[in-house]
Amino acid sequence: MESIAGKLIAAFLKRGVVVVSFLIIGCATSQPLYYWGNYEEIIYQMYIKPGSADPGTQVQKLKEDVNKASSEGKHVPPGLHAHLGYMYFLQGNTHEALLEFEAEKKLFPESAKFVDGLTGRIKK
């Protein structure tokens, strides 16, 4: 006859193996929610070294990120289109700026109040 302690230990080990397996599987399959590309680095450089990333360079890099994310079926993070719109605005390209602001609002409806404020200022 198997002892009660032996049965308890065997049951505990079986459950432990199952729990650990689920944890490993769950961690191994997680994918990032957004394609960040150069966005984080651009924002970081803007604040650490103002003027180091001119609007033209930022527009180029961010458009590359948007195109790459789209081609890979991924989403860009919140704020990227708004930032891209702001860079277009700094270049004097109001039409493209407004298009990017609308893209931000469409993808992230919670940004509507902020984006509407930006577009209202631009249209004045």
PDB file of N, CA and C in Angstrom:
ATOM      1  N   MET A   1       0.820  -1.190   0.000  1.00  0.00           N
ATOM      2  CA  MET A   1       0.000   0.000   0.000  1.00  0.00           C
ATOM      3  C   MET A   1       0.863   1.252   0.000  1.00  0.00           C
ATOM      4  N   GLU A   2       0.408   2.183  -0.776  1.00  0.00           N
ATOM      5  CA  GLU A   2       1.144   3.443  -0.858  1.00  0.00           C
ATOM      6  C   GLU A   2       0.693   4.334   0.296  1.00  0.00           C
ATOM      7  N   SER A   3       1.623   5.043   0.880  1.00  0.00           N
ATOM      8  CA  SER A   3       1.290   5.893   2.023  1.00  0.00           C
ATOM      9  C   SER A   3       0.536   7.131   1.572  1.00  0.00           C
ATOM     10  N   ILE A   4      -0.181   7.716   2.482  1.00  0.00           N
ATOM     11  CA  ILE A   4      -0.933   8.939   2.212  1.00  0.00           C
ATOM     12  C   ILE A   4       0.029  10.067   1.835  1.00  0.00           C
ATOM     13  N   ALA A   5       1.143  10.146   2.519  1.00  0.00           N
ATOM     14  CA  ALA A   5       2.134  11.183   2.219  1.00  0.00           C
ATOM     15  C   ALA A   5       2.662  11.028   0.800  1.00  0.00           C
ATOM     16  N   GLY A   6       2.895   9.801   0.381  1.00  0.00           N
ATOM     17  CA  GLY A   6       3.376   9.543  -0.975  1.00  0.00           C
ATOM     18  C   GLY A   6       2.368   9.965  -2.021  1.00  0.00           C
ATOM     19  N   LYS A   7       1.079   9.696  -1.751  1.00  0.00           N
ATOM     20  CA  LYS A   7       0.012  10.091  -2.679  1.00  0.00           C
ATOM     21  C   LYS A   7      -0.084  11.614  -2.765  1.00  0.00           C
ATOM     22  N   LEU A   8       0.034  12.270  -1.633  1.00  0.00           N
ATOM     23  CA  LEU A   8      -0.039  13.731  -1.615  1.00  0.00           C
ATOM     24  C   LEU A   8       1.122  14.349  -2.394  1.00  0.00           C
ATOM     25  N   ILE A   9       2.298  13.802  -2.192  1.00  0.00           N
ATOM     26  CA  ILE A   9       3.473  14.324  -2.898  1.00  0.00           C
ATOM     27  C   ILE A   9       3.317  14.103  -4.406  1.00  0.00           C
ATOM     28  N   ALA A  10       2.847  12.944  -4.818  1.00  0.00           N
ATOM     29  CA  ALA A  10       2.657  12.649  -6.244  1.00  0.00           C
ATOM     30  C   ALA A  10       1.618  13.587  -6.852  1.00  0.00           C
ATOM     31  N   ALA A  11       0.518  13.819  -6.140  1.00  0.00           N
ATOM     32  CA  ALA A  11      -0.529  14.713  -6.641  1.00  0.00           C
ATOM     33  C   ALA A  11      -0.005  16.144  -6.745  1.00  0.00           C
ATOM     34  N   PHE A  12       0.747  16.566  -5.754  1.00  0.00           N
ATOM     35  CA  PHE A  12       1.315  17.922  -5.758  1.00  0.00           C
ATOM     36  C   PHE A  12       2.274  18.104  -6.939  1.00  0.00           C
ATOM     37  N   LEU A  13       3.119  17.105  -7.174  1.00  0.00           N
ATOM     38  CA  LEU A  13       4.072  17.196  -8.278  1.00  0.00           C
ATOM     39  C   LEU A  13       3.359  17.233  -9.629  1.00  0.00           C
ATOM     40  N   LYS A  14       2.315  16.431  -9.784  1.00  0.00           N
ATOM     41  CA  LYS A  14       1.568  16.439 -11.040  1.00  0.00           C
ATOM     42  C   LYS A  14       0.948  17.814 -11.292  1.00  0.00           C
ATOM     43  N   ARG A  15       0.327  18.375 -10.277  1.00  0.00           N
ATOM     44  CA  ARG A  15      -0.293  19.696 -10.426  1.00  0.00           C
ATOM     45  C   ARG A  15       0.767  20.767 -10.669  1.00  0.00           C
ATOM     46  N   GLY A  16       1.885  20.633  -9.995  1.00  0.00           N
ATOM     47  CA  GLY A  16       2.966  21.603 -10.169  1.00  0.00           C
ATOM     48  C   GLY A  16       3.505  21.596 -11.587  1.00  0.00           C
ATOM     49  N   VAL A  17       3.643  20.412 -12.156  1.00  0.00           N
ATOM     50  CA  VAL A  17       4.126  20.286 -13.530  1.00  0.00           C
ATOM     51  C   VAL A  17       3.130  20.918 -14.500  1.00  0.00           C
ATOM     52  N   VAL A  18       1.855  20.719 -14.261  1.00  0.00           N
ATOM     53  CA  VAL A  18       0.824  21.297 -15.120  1.00  0.00           C
ATOM     54  C   VAL A  18       0.860  22.820 -15.037  1.00  0.00           C
ATOM     55  N   VAL A  19       0.930  23.364 -13.841  1.00  0.00           N
ATOM     56  CA  VAL A  19       0.954  24.821 -13.650  1.00  0.00           C
ATOM     57  C   VAL A  19       2.195  25.427 -14.312  1.00  0.00           C
ATOM     58  N   VAL A  20       3.354  24.830 -14.092  1.00  0.00           N
ATOM     59  CA  VAL A  20       4.587  25.331 -14.689  1.00  0.00           C
ATOM     60  C   VAL A  20       4.508  25.251 -16.215  1.00  0.00           C
ATOM     61  N   SER A  21       3.930  24.191 -16.736  1.00  0.00           N
ATOM     62  CA  SER A  21       3.780  24.057 -18.190  1.00  0.00           C
ATOM     63  C   SER A  21       2.929  25.179 -18.759  1.00  0.00           C
ATOM     64  N   PHE A  22       1.817  25.480 -18.102  1.00  0.00           N
ATOM     65  CA  PHE A  22       0.965  26.572 -18.568  1.00  0.00           C
ATOM     66  C   PHE A  22       1.689  27.910 -18.502  1.00  0.00           C
ATOM     67  N   LEU A  23       2.457  28.122 -17.472  1.00  0.00           N
ATOM     68  CA  LEU A  23       3.206  29.378 -17.361  1.00  0.00           C
ATOM     69  C   LEU A  23       4.229  29.514 -18.482  1.00  0.00           C
ATOM     70  N   ILE A  24       4.923  28.457 -18.770  1.00  0.00           N
ATOM     71  CA  ILE A  24       5.932  28.491 -19.836  1.00  0.00           C
ATOM     72  C   ILE A  24       5.269  28.715 -21.190  1.00  0.00           C
ATOM     73  N   ILE A  25       4.189  28.023 -21.451  1.00  0.00           N
ATOM     74  CA  ILE A  25       3.484  28.172 -22.731  1.00  0.00           C
ATOM     75  C   ILE A  25       2.929  29.584 -22.858  1.00  0.00           C
ATOM     76  N   GLY A  26       2.341  30.089 -21.792  1.00  0.00           N
ATOM     77  CA  GLY A  26       1.771  31.430 -21.817  1.00  0.00           C
ATOM     78  C   GLY A  26       2.815  32.502 -22.065  1.00  0.00           C
ATOM     79  N   CYS A  27       3.967  32.371 -21.492  1.00  0.00           N
ATOM     80  CA  CYS A  27       5.034  33.358 -21.673  1.00  0.00           C
ATOM     81  C   CYS A  27       5.686  33.252 -23.044  1.00  0.00           C
ATOM     82  N   ALA A  28       5.747  32.070 -23.574  1.00  0.00           N
ATOM     83  CA  ALA A  28       6.465  31.854 -24.830  1.00  0.00           C
ATOM     84  C   ALA A  28       5.703  32.387 -26.039  1.00  0.00           C
ATOM     85  N   THR A  29       4.391  32.531 -25.939  1.00  0.00           N
ATOM     86  CA  THR A  29       3.620  32.924 -27.111  1.00  0.00           C
ATOM     87  C   THR A  29       3.211  34.389 -27.107  1.00  0.00           C
ATOM     88  N   SER A  30       3.636  35.163 -26.151  1.00  0.00           N
ATOM     89  CA  SER A  30       3.186  36.547 -26.104  1.00  0.00           C
ATOM     90  C   SER A  30       3.913  37.391 -27.146  1.00  0.00           C
ATOM     91  N   GLN A  31       3.135  38.123 -27.932  1.00  0.00           N
ATOM     92  CA  GLN A  31       3.659  39.002 -28.973  1.00  0.00           C
ATOM     93  C   GLN A  31       3.405  40.446 -28.553  1.00  0.00           C
ATOM     94  N   PRO A  32       4.261  41.370 -28.951  1.00  0.00           N
ATOM     95  CA  PRO A  32       4.010  42.770 -28.629  1.00  0.00           C
ATOM     96  C   PRO A  32       2.699  43.234 -29.274  1.00  0.00           C
ATOM     97  N   LEU A  33       2.031  44.117 -28.595  1.00  0.00           N
ATOM     98  CA  LEU A  33       0.757  44.624 -29.092  1.00  0.00           C
ATOM     99  C   LEU A  33       0.956  45.582 -30.263  1.00  0.00           C
ATOM    100  N   TYR A  34       2.069  46.323 -30.240  1.00  0.00           N
ATOM    101  CA  TYR A  34       2.326  47.331 -31.271  1.00  0.00           C
ATOM    102  C   TYR A  34       3.708  47.143 -31.890  1.00  0.00           C
ATOM    103  N   TYR A  35       3.841  47.641 -33.121  1.00  0.00           N
ATOM    104  CA  TYR A  35       5.150  47.711 -33.765  1.00  0.00           C
ATOM    105  C   TYR A  35       5.704  49.104 -33.464  1.00  0.00           C
ATOM    106  N   TRP A  36       6.758  49.168 -32.650  1.00  0.00           N
ATOM    107  CA  TRP A  36       7.294  50.447 -32.191  1.00  0.00           C
ATOM    108  C   TRP A  36       8.322  51.043 -33.134  1.00  0.00           C
ATOM    109  N   GLY A  37       9.063  50.230 -33.863  1.00  0.00           N
ATOM    110  CA  GLY A  37      10.058  50.742 -34.800  1.00  0.00           C
ATOM    111  C   GLY A  37      10.980  51.771 -34.169  1.00  0.00           C
ATOM    112  N   ASN A  38      11.105  52.943 -34.800  1.00  0.00           N
ATOM    113  CA  ASN A  38      11.986  54.019 -34.326  1.00  0.00           C
ATOM    114  C   ASN A  38      11.303  55.003 -33.386  1.00  0.00           C
ATOM    115  N   TYR A  39      10.010  54.832 -33.173  1.00  0.00           N
ATOM    116  CA  TYR A  39       9.221  55.829 -32.446  1.00  0.00           C
ATOM    117  C   TYR A  39       9.786  56.148 -31.056  1.00  0.00           C
ATOM    118  N   GLU A  40      10.054  55.134 -30.260  1.00  0.00           N
ATOM    119  CA  GLU A  40      10.567  55.375 -28.904  1.00  0.00           C
ATOM    120  C   GLU A  40      11.909  56.111 -28.935  1.00  0.00           C
ATOM    121  N   GLU A  41      12.775  55.700 -29.831  1.00  0.00           N
ATOM    122  CA  GLU A  41      14.103  56.329 -29.923  1.00  0.00           C
ATOM    123  C   GLU A  41      13.976  57.792 -30.353  1.00  0.00           C
ATOM    124  N   ILE A  42      13.076  58.074 -31.287  1.00  0.00           N
ATOM    125  CA  ILE A  42      12.872  59.452 -31.735  1.00  0.00           C
ATOM    126  C   ILE A  42      12.378  60.325 -30.589  1.00  0.00           C
ATOM    127  N   ILE A  43      11.405  59.845 -29.856  1.00  0.00           N
ATOM    128  CA  ILE A  43      10.871  60.608 -28.712  1.00  0.00           C
ATOM    129  C   ILE A  43      11.962  60.822 -27.670  1.00  0.00           C
ATOM    130  N   TYR A  44      12.705  59.772 -27.392  1.00  0.00           N
ATOM    131  CA  TYR A  44      13.789  59.863 -26.412  1.00  0.00           C
ATOM    132  C   TYR A  44      14.802  60.931 -26.837  1.00  0.00           C
ATOM    133  N   GLN A  45      15.231  60.881 -28.086  1.00  0.00           N
ATOM    134  CA  GLN A  45      16.219  61.849 -28.574  1.00  0.00           C
ATOM    135  C   GLN A  45      15.673  63.276 -28.538  1.00  0.00           C
ATOM    136  N   MET A  46      14.388  63.430 -28.828  1.00  0.00           N
ATOM    137  CA  MET A  46      13.781  64.761 -28.806  1.00  0.00           C
ATOM    138  C   MET A  46      13.888  65.404 -27.429  1.00  0.00           C
ATOM    139  N   TYR A  47      13.713  64.603 -26.392  1.00  0.00           N
ATOM    140  CA  TYR A  47      13.742  65.144 -25.041  1.00  0.00           C
ATOM    141  C   TYR A  47      15.151  65.233 -24.467  1.00  0.00           C
ATOM    142  N   ILE A  48      16.009  64.295 -24.814  1.00  0.00           N
ATOM    143  CA  ILE A  48      17.374  64.286 -24.287  1.00  0.00           C
ATOM    144  C   ILE A  48      18.248  65.298 -25.027  1.00  0.00           C
ATOM    145  N   LYS A  49      18.139  65.326 -26.350  1.00  0.00           N
ATOM    146  CA  LYS A  49      18.948  66.225 -27.174  1.00  0.00           C
ATOM    147  C   LYS A  49      18.029  66.985 -28.134  1.00  0.00           C
ATOM    148  N   PRO A  50      17.338  68.013 -27.623  1.00  0.00           N
ATOM    149  CA  PRO A  50      16.426  68.755 -28.505  1.00  0.00           C
ATOM    150  C   PRO A  50      17.146  69.250 -29.756  1.00  0.00           C
ATOM    151  N   GLY A  51      16.487  69.114 -30.893  1.00  0.00           N
ATOM    152  CA  GLY A  51      17.056  69.550 -32.157  1.00  0.00           C
ATOM    153  C   GLY A  51      17.900  68.497 -32.851  1.00  0.00           C
ATOM    154  N   SER A  52      18.164  67.373 -32.182  1.00  0.00           N
ATOM    155  CA  SER A  52      19.018  66.346 -32.779  1.00  0.00           C
ATOM    156  C   SER A  52      18.293  65.569 -33.878  1.00  0.00           C
ATOM    157  N   ALA A  53      16.986  65.528 -33.812  1.00  0.00           N
ATOM    158  CA  ALA A  53      16.209  64.826 -34.845  1.00  0.00           C
ATOM    159  C   ALA A  53      15.276  65.843 -35.491  1.00  0.00           C
ATOM    160  N   ASP A  54      15.683  66.365 -36.640  1.00  0.00           N
ATOM    161  CA  ASP A  54      14.881  67.384 -37.312  1.00  0.00           C
ATOM    162  C   ASP A  54      13.573  66.771 -37.818  1.00  0.00           C
ATOM    163  N   PRO A  55      12.558  67.604 -38.059  1.00  0.00           N
ATOM    164  CA  PRO A  55      11.259  67.083 -38.501  1.00  0.00           C
ATOM    165  C   PRO A  55      11.331  66.226 -39.764  1.00  0.00           C
ATOM    166  N   GLY A  56      12.172  66.589 -40.717  1.00  0.00           N
ATOM    167  CA  GLY A  56      12.280  65.802 -41.948  1.00  0.00           C
ATOM    168  C   GLY A  56      12.753  64.385 -41.689  1.00  0.00           C
ATOM    169  N   THR A  57      13.759  64.245 -40.833  1.00  0.00           N
ATOM    170  CA  THR A  57      14.273  62.923 -40.483  1.00  0.00           C
ATOM    171  C   THR A  57      13.211  62.114 -39.746  1.00  0.00           C
ATOM    172  N   GLN A  58      12.511  62.785 -38.835  1.00  0.00           N
ATOM    173  CA  GLN A  58      11.471  62.087 -38.083  1.00  0.00           C
ATOM    174  C   GLN A  58      10.348  61.614 -38.998  1.00  0.00           C
ATOM    175  N   VAL A  59       9.929  62.471 -39.932  1.00  0.00           N
ATOM    176  CA  VAL A  59       8.875  62.086 -40.870  1.00  0.00           C
ATOM    177  C   VAL A  59       9.318  60.857 -41.659  1.00  0.00           C
ATOM    178  N   GLN A  60      10.529  60.881 -42.155  1.00  0.00           N
ATOM    179  CA  GLN A  60      11.041  59.759 -42.939  1.00  0.00           C
ATOM    180  C   GLN A  60      11.031  58.462 -42.132  1.00  0.00           C
ATOM    181  N   LYS A  61      11.568  58.507 -40.919  1.00  0.00           N
ATOM    182  CA  LYS A  61      11.643  57.298 -40.093  1.00  0.00           C
ATOM    183  C   LYS A  61      10.264  56.806 -39.674  1.00  0.00           C
ATOM    184  N   LEU A  62       9.394  57.738 -39.309  1.00  0.00           N
ATOM    185  CA  LEU A  62       8.063  57.334 -38.865  1.00  0.00           C
ATOM    186  C   LEU A  62       7.227  56.776 -40.015  1.00  0.00           C
ATOM    187  N   LYS A  63       7.366  57.338 -41.215  1.00  0.00           N
ATOM    188  CA  LYS A  63       6.650  56.789 -42.369  1.00  0.00           C
ATOM    189  C   LYS A  63       7.155  55.386 -42.690  1.00  0.00           C
ATOM    190  N   GLU A  64       8.465  55.175 -42.553  1.00  0.00           N
ATOM    191  CA  GLU A  64       9.013  53.826 -42.741  1.00  0.00           C
ATOM    192  C   GLU A  64       8.403  52.863 -41.727  1.00  0.00           C
ATOM    193  N   ASP A  65       8.278  53.313 -40.476  1.00  0.00           N
ATOM    194  CA  ASP A  65       7.685  52.469 -39.439  1.00  0.00           C
ATOM    195  C   ASP A  65       6.227  52.134 -39.751  1.00  0.00           C
ATOM    196  N   VAL A  66       5.472  53.132 -40.193  1.00  0.00           N
ATOM    197  CA  VAL A  66       4.059  52.913 -40.529  1.00  0.00           C
ATOM    198  C   VAL A  66       3.955  51.911 -41.678  1.00  0.00           C
ATOM    199  N   ASN A  67       4.771  52.075 -42.695  1.00  0.00           N
ATOM    200  CA  ASN A  67       4.741  51.165 -43.844  1.00  0.00           C
ATOM    201  C   ASN A  67       5.152  49.747 -43.460  1.00  0.00           C
ATOM    202  N   LYS A  68       6.184  49.631 -42.629  1.00  0.00           N
ATOM    203  CA  LYS A  68       6.642  48.300 -42.210  1.00  0.00           C
ATOM    204  C   LYS A  68       5.585  47.616 -41.347  1.00  0.00           C
ATOM    205  N   ALA A  69       5.001  48.365 -40.416  1.00  0.00           N
ATOM    206  CA  ALA A  69       3.953  47.794 -39.570  1.00  0.00           C
ATOM    207  C   ALA A  69       2.786  47.311 -40.428  1.00  0.00           C
ATOM    208  N   SER A  70       2.404  48.122 -41.390  1.00  0.00           N
ATOM    209  CA  SER A  70       1.299  47.765 -42.273  1.00  0.00           C
ATOM    210  C   SER A  70       1.622  46.516 -43.085  1.00  0.00           C
ATOM    211  N   SER A  71       2.834  46.446 -43.614  1.00  0.00           N
ATOM    212  CA  SER A  71       3.211  45.287 -44.434  1.00  0.00           C
ATOM    213  C   SER A  71       3.291  44.002 -43.611  1.00  0.00           C
ATOM    214  N   GLU A  72       3.551  44.135 -42.305  1.00  0.00           N
ATOM    215  CA  GLU A  72       3.627  42.964 -41.431  1.00  0.00           C
ATOM    216  C   GLU A  72       2.308  42.684 -40.713  1.00  0.00           C
ATOM    217  N   GLY A  73       1.283  43.490 -41.018  1.00  0.00           N
ATOM    218  CA  GLY A  73      -0.018  43.291 -40.387  1.00  0.00           C
ATOM    219  C   GLY A  73      -0.040  43.665 -38.918  1.00  0.00           C
ATOM    220  N   LYS A  74       0.825  44.584 -38.519  1.00  0.00           N
ATOM    221  CA  LYS A  74       0.902  45.003 -37.116  1.00  0.00           C
ATOM    222  C   LYS A  74       0.340  46.411 -36.965  1.00  0.00           C
ATOM    223  N   HIS A  75       0.105  46.809 -35.724  1.00  0.00           N
ATOM    224  CA  HIS A  75      -0.430  48.131 -35.422  1.00  0.00           C
ATOM    225  C   HIS A  75       0.685  49.033 -34.897  1.00  0.00           C
ATOM    226  N   VAL A  76       0.594  50.317 -35.222  1.00  0.00           N
ATOM    227  CA  VAL A  76       1.534  51.290 -34.653  1.00  0.00           C
ATOM    228  C   VAL A  76       1.017  51.710 -33.288  1.00  0.00           C
ATOM    229  N   PRO A  77       1.890  52.193 -32.413  1.00  0.00           N
ATOM    230  CA  PRO A  77       1.462  52.552 -31.063  1.00  0.00           C
ATOM    231  C   PRO A  77       0.681  53.859 -31.030  1.00  0.00           C
ATOM    232  N   PRO A  78      -0.074  54.065 -29.947  1.00  0.00           N
ATOM    233  CA  PRO A  78      -0.787  55.335 -29.779  1.00  0.00           C
ATOM    234  C   PRO A  78       0.202  56.493 -29.784  1.00  0.00           C
ATOM    235  N   GLY A  79      -0.175  57.569 -30.453  1.00  0.00           N
ATOM    236  CA  GLY A  79       0.661  58.761 -30.481  1.00  0.00           C
ATOM    237  C   GLY A  79       1.538  58.881 -31.697  1.00  0.00           C
ATOM    238  N   LEU A  80       1.822  57.787 -32.382  1.00  0.00           N
ATOM    239  CA  LEU A  80       2.730  57.850 -33.519  1.00  0.00           C
ATOM    240  C   LEU A  80       2.162  58.733 -34.629  1.00  0.00           C
ATOM    241  N   HIS A  81       0.911  58.531 -34.975  1.00  0.00           N
ATOM    242  CA  HIS A  81       0.324  59.355 -36.040  1.00  0.00           C
ATOM    243  C   HIS A  81       0.202  60.811 -35.611  1.00  0.00           C
ATOM    244  N   ALA A  82      -0.104  61.054 -34.347  1.00  0.00           N
ATOM    245  CA  ALA A  82      -0.185  62.435 -33.859  1.00  0.00           C
ATOM    246  C   ALA A  82       1.194  63.092 -33.926  1.00  0.00           C
ATOM    247  N   HIS A  83       2.221  62.372 -33.548  1.00  0.00           N
ATOM    248  CA  HIS A  83       3.584  62.908 -33.608  1.00  0.00           C
ATOM    249  C   HIS A  83       3.992  63.163 -35.056  1.00  0.00           C
ATOM    250  N   LEU A  84       3.661  62.233 -35.921  1.00  0.00           N
ATOM    251  CA  LEU A  84       3.964  62.396 -37.342  1.00  0.00           C
ATOM    252  C   LEU A  84       3.231  63.619 -37.900  1.00  0.00           C
ATOM    253  N   GLY A  85       1.990  63.798 -37.502  1.00  0.00           N
ATOM    254  CA  GLY A  85       1.238  64.976 -37.914  1.00  0.00           C
ATOM    255  C   GLY A  85       1.883  66.265 -37.441  1.00  0.00           C
ATOM    256  N   TYR A  86       2.368  66.250 -36.217  1.00  0.00           N
ATOM    257  CA  TYR A  86       3.039  67.432 -35.669  1.00  0.00           C
ATOM    258  C   TYR A  86       4.318  67.740 -36.462  1.00  0.00           C
ATOM    259  N   MET A  87       5.044  66.705 -36.843  1.00  0.00           N
ATOM    260  CA  MET A  87       6.262  66.915 -37.627  1.00  0.00           C
ATOM    261  C   MET A  87       5.923  67.481 -39.013  1.00  0.00           C
ATOM    262  N   TYR A  88       4.852  66.980 -39.610  1.00  0.00           N
ATOM    263  CA  TYR A  88       4.402  67.551 -40.884  1.00  0.00           C
ATOM    264  C   TYR A  88       4.037  69.026 -40.713  1.00  0.00           C
ATOM    265  N   PHE A  89       3.358  69.325 -39.616  1.00  0.00           N
ATOM    266  CA  PHE A  89       2.976  70.709 -39.342  1.00  0.00           C
ATOM    267  C   PHE A  89       4.210  71.602 -39.220  1.00  0.00           C
ATOM    268  N   LEU A  90       5.231  71.114 -38.521  1.00  0.00           N
ATOM    269  CA  LEU A  90       6.467  71.890 -38.380  1.00  0.00           C
ATOM    270  C   LEU A  90       7.144  72.132 -39.720  1.00  0.00           C
ATOM    271  N   GLN A  91       6.927  71.242 -40.670  1.00  0.00           N
ATOM    272  CA  GLN A  91       7.487  71.405 -42.015  1.00  0.00           C
ATOM    273  C   GLN A  91       6.610  72.309 -42.886  1.00  0.00           C
ATOM    274  N   GLY A  92       5.467  72.700 -42.375  1.00  0.00           N
ATOM    275  CA  GLY A  92       4.556  73.541 -43.145  1.00  0.00           C
ATOM    276  C   GLY A  92       3.593  72.764 -44.014  1.00  0.00           C
ATOM    277  N   ASN A  93       3.518  71.466 -43.835  1.00  0.00           N
ATOM    278  CA  ASN A  93       2.646  70.606 -44.626  1.00  0.00           C
ATOM    279  C   ASN A  93       1.355  70.337 -43.844  1.00  0.00           C
ATOM    280  N   THR A  94       0.475  71.338 -43.839  1.00  0.00           N
ATOM    281  CA  THR A  94      -0.752  71.270 -43.046  1.00  0.00           C
ATOM    282  C   THR A  94      -1.670  70.147 -43.506  1.00  0.00           C
ATOM    283  N   HIS A  95      -1.768  69.943 -44.797  1.00  0.00           N
ATOM    284  CA  HIS A  95      -2.660  68.898 -45.316  1.00  0.00           C
ATOM    285  C   HIS A  95      -2.273  67.521 -44.775  1.00  0.00           C
ATOM    286  N   GLU A  96      -0.994  67.164 -44.874  1.00  0.00           N
ATOM    287  CA  GLU A  96      -0.532  65.868 -44.364  1.00  0.00           C
ATOM    288  C   GLU A  96      -0.677  65.791 -42.847  1.00  0.00           C
ATOM    289  N   ALA A  97      -0.445  66.920 -42.169  1.00  0.00           N
ATOM    290  CA  ALA A  97      -0.604  66.951 -40.710  1.00  0.00           C
ATOM    291  C   ALA A  97      -2.031  66.586 -40.326  1.00  0.00           C
ATOM    292  N   LEU A  98      -3.004  67.193 -40.992  1.00  0.00           N
ATOM    293  CA  LEU A  98      -4.409  66.910 -40.686  1.00  0.00           C
ATOM    294  C   LEU A  98      -4.772  65.465 -40.999  1.00  0.00           C
ATOM    295  N   LEU A  99      -4.211  64.905 -42.069  1.00  0.00           N
ATOM    296  CA  LEU A  99      -4.462  63.491 -42.387  1.00  0.00           C
ATOM    297  C   LEU A  99      -3.928  62.567 -41.292  1.00  0.00           C
ATOM    298  N   GLU A 100      -2.749  62.881 -40.789  1.00  0.00           N
ATOM    299  CA  GLU A 100      -2.170  62.051 -39.720  1.00  0.00           C
ATOM    300  C   GLU A 100      -2.956  62.190 -38.417  1.00  0.00           C
ATOM    301  N   PHE A 101      -3.423  63.392 -38.120  1.00  0.00           N
ATOM    302  CA  PHE A 101      -4.241  63.584 -36.913  1.00  0.00           C
ATOM    303  C   PHE A 101      -5.539  62.778 -37.011  1.00  0.00           C
ATOM    304  N   GLU A 102      -6.135  62.757 -38.196  1.00  0.00           N
ATOM    305  CA  GLU A 102      -7.356  61.972 -38.385  1.00  0.00           C
ATOM    306  C   GLU A 102      -7.071  60.474 -38.259  1.00  0.00           C
ATOM    307  N   ALA A 103      -5.918  60.036 -38.752  1.00  0.00           N
ATOM    308  CA  ALA A 103      -5.539  58.620 -38.614  1.00  0.00           C
ATOM    309  C   ALA A 103      -5.389  58.258 -37.138  1.00  0.00           C
ATOM    310  N   GLU A 104      -4.779  59.156 -36.361  1.00  0.00           N
ATOM    311  CA  GLU A 104      -4.628  58.922 -34.917  1.00  0.00           C
ATOM    312  C   GLU A 104      -5.992  58.777 -34.261  1.00  0.00           C
ATOM    313  N   LYS A 105      -6.886  59.676 -34.609  1.00  0.00           N
ATOM    314  CA  LYS A 105      -8.221  59.670 -34.010  1.00  0.00           C
ATOM    315  C   LYS A 105      -9.002  58.417 -34.401  1.00  0.00           C
ATOM    316  N   LYS A 106      -8.837  57.972 -35.635  1.00  0.00           N
ATOM    317  CA  LYS A 106      -9.538  56.772 -36.098  1.00  0.00           C
ATOM    318  C   LYS A 106      -9.028  55.522 -35.383  1.00  0.00           C
ATOM    319  N   LEU A 107      -7.703  55.418 -35.250  1.00  0.00           N
ATOM    320  CA  LEU A 107      -7.116  54.236 -34.606  1.00  0.00           C
ATOM    321  C   LEU A 107      -7.299  54.231 -33.097  1.00  0.00           C
ATOM    322  N   PHE A 108      -7.292  55.421 -32.504  1.00  0.00           N
ATOM    323  CA  PHE A 108      -7.377  55.540 -31.050  1.00  0.00           C
ATOM    324  C   PHE A 108      -8.430  56.593 -30.694  1.00  0.00           C
ATOM    325  N   PRO A 109      -9.709  56.195 -30.692  1.00  0.00           N
ATOM    326  CA  PRO A 109     -10.798  57.150 -30.466  1.00  0.00           C
ATOM    327  C   PRO A 109     -10.667  57.929 -29.152  1.00  0.00           C
ATOM    328  N   GLU A 110      -9.981  57.362 -28.179  1.00  0.00           N
ATOM    329  CA  GLU A 110      -9.805  58.065 -26.905  1.00  0.00           C
ATOM    330  C   GLU A 110      -8.933  59.309 -27.049  1.00  0.00           C
ATOM    331  N   SER A 111      -8.251  59.447 -28.173  1.00  0.00           N
ATOM    332  CA  SER A 111      -7.404  60.618 -28.413  1.00  0.00           C
ATOM    333  C   SER A 111      -8.170  61.760 -29.088  1.00  0.00           C
ATOM    334  N   ALA A 112      -9.462  61.566 -29.346  1.00  0.00           N
ATOM    335  CA  ALA A 112     -10.246  62.526 -30.129  1.00  0.00           C
ATOM    336  C   ALA A 112     -10.206  63.937 -29.546  1.00  0.00           C
ATOM    337  N   LYS A 113     -10.363  64.079 -28.257  1.00  0.00           N
ATOM    338  CA  LYS A 113     -10.385  65.421 -27.656  1.00  0.00           C
ATOM    339  C   LYS A 113      -9.044  66.131 -27.875  1.00  0.00           C
ATOM    340  N   PHE A 114      -7.963  65.425 -27.660  1.00  0.00           N
ATOM    341  CA  PHE A 114      -6.630  65.990 -27.865  1.00  0.00           C
ATOM    342  C   PHE A 114      -6.411  66.339 -29.335  1.00  0.00           C
ATOM    343  N   VAL A 115      -6.740  65.391 -30.218  1.00  0.00           N
ATOM    344  CA  VAL A 115      -6.523  65.594 -31.649  1.00  0.00           C
ATOM    345  C   VAL A 115      -7.425  66.717 -32.176  1.00  0.00           C
ATOM    346  N   ASP A 116      -8.657  66.765 -31.718  1.00  0.00           N
ATOM    347  CA  ASP A 116      -9.547  67.857 -32.141  1.00  0.00           C
ATOM    348  C   ASP A 116      -9.002  69.213 -31.716  1.00  0.00           C
ATOM    349  N   GLY A 117      -8.383  69.261 -30.552  1.00  0.00           N
ATOM    350  CA  GLY A 117      -7.743  70.507 -30.121  1.00  0.00           C
ATOM    351  C   GLY A 117      -6.599  70.910 -31.038  1.00  0.00           C
ATOM    352  N   LEU A 118      -5.812  69.938 -31.457  1.00  0.00           N
ATOM    353  CA  LEU A 118      -4.712  70.222 -32.380  1.00  0.00           C
ATOM    354  C   LEU A 118      -5.230  70.705 -33.730  1.00  0.00           C
ATOM    355  N   THR A 119      -6.202  69.997 -34.265  1.00  0.00           N
ATOM    356  CA  THR A 119      -6.719  70.374 -35.575  1.00  0.00           C
ATOM    357  C   THR A 119      -7.417  71.721 -35.531  1.00  0.00           C
ATOM    358  N   GLY A 120      -8.087  72.008 -34.418  1.00  0.00           N
ATOM    359  CA  GLY A 120      -8.727  73.317 -34.274  1.00  0.00           C
ATOM    360  C   GLY A 120      -7.720  74.450 -34.306  1.00  0.00           C
ATOM    361  N   ARG A 121      -6.573  74.245 -33.670  1.00  0.00           N
ATOM    362  CA  ARG A 121      -5.521  75.280 -33.674  1.00  0.00           C
ATOM    363  C   ARG A 121      -4.906  75.444 -35.052  1.00  0.00           C
ATOM    364  N   ILE A 122      -4.759  74.340 -35.770  1.00  0.00           N
ATOM    365  CA  ILE A 122      -4.136  74.404 -37.097  1.00  0.00           C
ATOM    366  C   ILE A 122      -5.058  75.123 -38.086  1.00  0.00           C
ATOM    367  N   LYS A 123      -6.341  74.855 -37.988  1.00  0.00           N
ATOM    368  CA  LYS A 123      -7.286  75.424 -38.948  1.00  0.00           C
ATOM    369  C   LYS A 123      -7.546  76.911 -38.740  1.00  0.00           C
ATOM    370  N   LYS A 124      -7.133  77.459 -37.595  1.00  0.00           N
ATOM    371  CA  LYS A 124      -7.358  78.894 -37.328  1.00  0.00           C
ATOM    372  C   LYS A 124      -6.445  79.751 -38.161  1.00  0.00           C
TER     373      LYS A 124
END
